C-alpha atoms as a PDB file:
ATOM      1  CA  MET A   1     -67.456 -13.441 -57.783  1.00  0.00           C
ATOM      2  CA  GLN A   2     -65.488 -15.209 -55.259  1.00  0.00           C
ATOM      3  CA  ARG A   3     -61.488 -15.604 -56.314  1.00  0.00           C
ATOM      4  CA  SER A   4     -59.047 -18.140 -55.552  1.00  0.00           C
ATOM      5  CA  PRO A   5     -54.924 -18.402 -56.433  1.00  0.00           C
ATOM      6  CA  HIS A   6     -55.875 -19.825 -59.647  1.00  0.00           C
ATOM      7  CA  PHE A   7     -59.809 -19.281 -60.248  1.00  0.00           C
ATOM      8  CA  VAL A   8     -62.216 -17.451 -60.231  1.00  0.00           C
ATOM      9  CA  LEU A   9     -66.127 -18.310 -59.430  1.00  0.00           C
ATOM     10  CA  TYR A  10     -69.370 -16.597 -60.432  1.00  0.00           C
ATOM     11  CA  ALA A  11     -72.424 -17.654 -59.556  1.00  0.00           C
ATOM     12  CA  ARG A  12     -76.153 -16.851 -59.612  1.00  0.00           C
ATOM     13  CA  GLY A  13     -79.471 -18.754 -58.639  1.00  0.00           C
ATOM     14  CA  ASN A  14     -81.609 -20.456 -61.031  1.00  0.00           C
ATOM     15  CA  ASP A  15     -84.783 -21.568 -61.710  1.00  0.00           C
ATOM     16  CA  LEU A  16     -84.025 -24.914 -62.899  1.00  0.00           C
ATOM     17  CA  HIS A  17     -83.886 -28.226 -59.970  1.00  0.00           C
ATOM     18  CA  ARG A  18     -80.472 -28.484 -60.320  1.00  0.00           C
ATOM     19  CA  ALA A  19     -77.048 -26.778 -60.982  1.00  0.00           C
ATOM     20  CA  ARG A  20     -75.362 -25.907 -63.753  1.00  0.00           C
ATOM     21  CA  LEU A  21     -71.259 -25.704 -64.561  1.00  0.00           C
ATOM     22  CA  GLY A  22     -69.493 -23.553 -67.229  1.00  0.00           C
ATOM     23  CA  VAL A  23     -65.635 -23.902 -67.298  1.00  0.00           C
ATOM     24  CA  VAL A  24     -62.826 -21.387 -68.908  1.00  0.00           C
ATOM     25  CA  ALA A  25     -59.559 -22.510 -69.311  1.00  0.00           C
ATOM     26  CA  ALA A  26     -57.635 -19.784 -71.433  1.00  0.00           C
ATOM     27  CA  LYS A  27     -54.722 -20.511 -73.633  1.00  0.00           C
ATOM     28  CA  ARG A  28     -52.620 -17.954 -72.275  1.00  0.00           C
ATOM     29  CA  PHE A  29     -52.589 -19.298 -68.514  1.00  0.00           C
ATOM     30  CA  ALA A  30     -52.412 -22.688 -69.346  1.00  0.00           C
ATOM     31  CA  PRO A  31     -50.500 -22.983 -72.750  1.00  0.00           C
ATOM     32  CA  ARG A  32     -51.040 -26.770 -73.399  1.00  0.00           C
ATOM     33  CA  ALA A  33     -54.321 -28.876 -74.345  1.00  0.00           C
ATOM     34  CA  VAL A  34     -53.337 -31.450 -71.976  1.00  0.00           C
ATOM     35  CA  THR A  35     -53.451 -28.682 -69.021  1.00  0.00           C
ATOM     36  CA  ARG A  36     -56.561 -27.086 -69.974  1.00  0.00           C
ATOM     37  CA  ASN A  37     -58.703 -30.418 -70.505  1.00  0.00           C
ATOM     38  CA  ALA A  38     -57.122 -32.237 -67.018  1.00  0.00           C
ATOM     39  CA  ILE A  39     -58.249 -28.862 -65.596  1.00  0.00           C
ATOM     40  CA  LYS A  40     -61.810 -29.016 -67.012  1.00  0.00           C
ATOM     41  CA  ARG A  41     -61.892 -32.609 -65.877  1.00  0.00           C
ATOM     42  CA  VAL A  42     -61.288 -31.950 -62.407  1.00  0.00           C
ATOM     43  CA  THR A  43     -63.658 -28.967 -62.081  1.00  0.00           C
ATOM     44  CA  ARG A  44     -66.841 -31.107 -63.150  1.00  0.00           C
ATOM     45  CA  GLU A  45     -65.451 -33.863 -60.741  1.00  0.00           C
ATOM     46  CA  VAL A  46     -65.270 -31.729 -57.860  1.00  0.00           C
ATOM     47  CA  PHE A  47     -68.338 -30.189 -59.370  1.00  0.00           C
ATOM     48  CA  ARG A  48     -70.261 -33.154 -59.211  1.00  0.00           C
ATOM     49  CA  GLN A  49     -69.055 -34.143 -55.821  1.00  0.00           C
ATOM     50  CA  MET A  50     -70.243 -30.738 -54.153  1.00  0.00           C
ATOM     51  CA  ARG A  51     -74.039 -31.495 -54.920  1.00  0.00           C
ATOM     52  CA  LEU A  52     -74.872 -27.563 -54.833  1.00  0.00           C
ATOM     53  CA  PRO A  53     -78.517 -26.378 -55.070  1.00  0.00           C
ATOM     54  CA  ALA A  54     -79.848 -24.958 -58.049  1.00  0.00           C
ATOM     55  CA  ILE A  55     -77.126 -22.179 -59.040  1.00  0.00           C
ATOM     56  CA  ASP A  56     -75.302 -21.589 -62.625  1.00  0.00           C
ATOM     57  CA  CYS A  57     -71.754 -21.590 -61.682  1.00  0.00           C
ATOM     58  CA  ILE A  58     -68.799 -20.189 -64.580  1.00  0.00           C
ATOM     59  CA  VAL A  59     -65.250 -21.104 -62.928  1.00  0.00           C
ATOM     60  CA  ARG A  60     -62.682 -19.260 -64.681  1.00  0.00           C
ATOM     61  CA  LEU A  61     -58.946 -19.417 -64.947  1.00  0.00           C
ATOM     62  CA  SER A  62     -57.047 -16.626 -63.714  1.00  0.00           C
ATOM     63  CA  GLY A  63     -53.755 -17.095 -63.403  1.00  0.00           C
ATOM     64  CA  PRO A  64     -51.066 -19.096 -65.209  1.00  0.00           C
ATOM     65  CA  VAL A  65     -51.370 -22.884 -63.749  1.00  0.00           C
ATOM     66  CA  ASN A  66     -47.834 -23.750 -65.739  1.00  0.00           C
ATOM     67  CA  THR A  67     -45.551 -23.357 -68.573  1.00  0.00           C
ATOM     68  CA  ARG A  68     -44.289 -24.870 -71.517  1.00  0.00           C
ATOM     69  CA  LYS A  69     -41.041 -25.652 -69.640  1.00  0.00           C
ATOM     70  CA  GLU A  70     -42.901 -27.917 -66.849  1.00  0.00           C
ATOM     71  CA  PRO A  71     -44.657 -31.210 -67.205  1.00  0.00           C
ATOM     72  CA  ALA A  72     -48.324 -30.549 -68.957  1.00  0.00           C
ATOM     73  CA  MET A  73     -49.938 -32.320 -66.036  1.00  0.00           C
ATOM     74  CA  THR A  74     -48.441 -33.867 -62.512  1.00  0.00           C
ATOM     75  CA  ALA A  75     -50.247 -35.540 -59.760  1.00  0.00           C
ATOM     76  CA  ARG A  76     -49.100 -33.085 -57.418  1.00  0.00           C
ATOM     77  CA  LEU A  77     -50.724 -30.076 -59.754  1.00  0.00           C
ATOM     78  CA  LYS A  78     -53.843 -31.720 -59.955  1.00  0.00           C
ATOM     79  CA  THR A  79     -54.255 -32.389 -55.991  1.00  0.00           C
ATOM     80  CA  ALA A  80     -53.825 -28.856 -55.586  1.00  0.00           C
ATOM     81  CA  LEU A  81     -56.436 -27.500 -58.032  1.00  0.00           C
ATOM     82  CA  ARG A  82     -58.613 -29.910 -56.906  1.00  0.00           C
ATOM     83  CA  ALA A  83     -58.329 -28.934 -53.011  1.00  0.00           C
ATOM     84  CA  GLU A  84     -58.666 -25.278 -54.454  1.00  0.00           C
ATOM     85  CA  LEU A  85     -61.802 -25.833 -56.456  1.00  0.00           C
ATOM     86  CA  THR A  86     -63.414 -27.670 -53.445  1.00  0.00           C
ATOM     87  CA  THR A  87     -62.824 -24.931 -51.256  1.00  0.00           C
ATOM     88  CA  LEU A  88     -63.979 -22.418 -53.502  1.00  0.00           C
ATOM     89  CA  LEU A  89     -67.482 -24.444 -54.128  1.00  0.00           C
ATOM     90  CA  ALA A  90     -67.521 -25.308 -50.497  1.00  0.00           C
ATOM     91  CA  SER A  91     -67.641 -21.559 -49.750  1.00  0.00           C
ATOM     92  CA  ARG A  92     -70.361 -20.527 -52.417  1.00  0.00           C
ATOM     93  CA  ARG A  93     -72.562 -23.820 -51.230  1.00  0.00           C
ATOM     94  CA  LYS A  94     -72.265 -21.864 -47.748  1.00  0.00           C
ATOM     95  CA  ALA A  95     -72.793 -18.509 -48.995  1.00  0.00           C
ATOM     96  CA  GLU A  96     -76.259 -20.302 -50.870  1.00  0.00           C
ATOM     97  CA  ALA A  97     -77.304 -22.010 -47.640  1.00  0.00           C
ATOM     98  CA  SER A  98     -77.202 -18.905 -45.453  1.00  0.00           C
ATOM     99  CA  GLN A  99     -79.387 -17.005 -47.735  1.00  0.00           C
END
C-alpha cells in the first residue's frame, strides 16, 4: 500500500501478462459526478502511459478533492491530480522493478 495526499494505491502481482486497474472514487470525497468521472479518466490515462508490469492495482480516492461550492473540475486540479498519480504509480513501478 502506498499513499499520496489524495490517493491510496493497493497493488500485487498477477499471473497475467498485463497490468489491471480498479478505480474507487467515493462520493463523500468528490461530491459531483463530473469530478468523480474526471478523476477516473485521469487515473486510467496515467495508468496506460506508465506501462506497468503484470500487477493488479486499485487506486482509491482517500481525501476530499473539492467541495460543492468550488467548480466541479479545473485544469489546475486535473494537472495536480495527474502529477500526483504519476508519482504514485511510478514509485510502484520502481518497487516492482527492484524485486
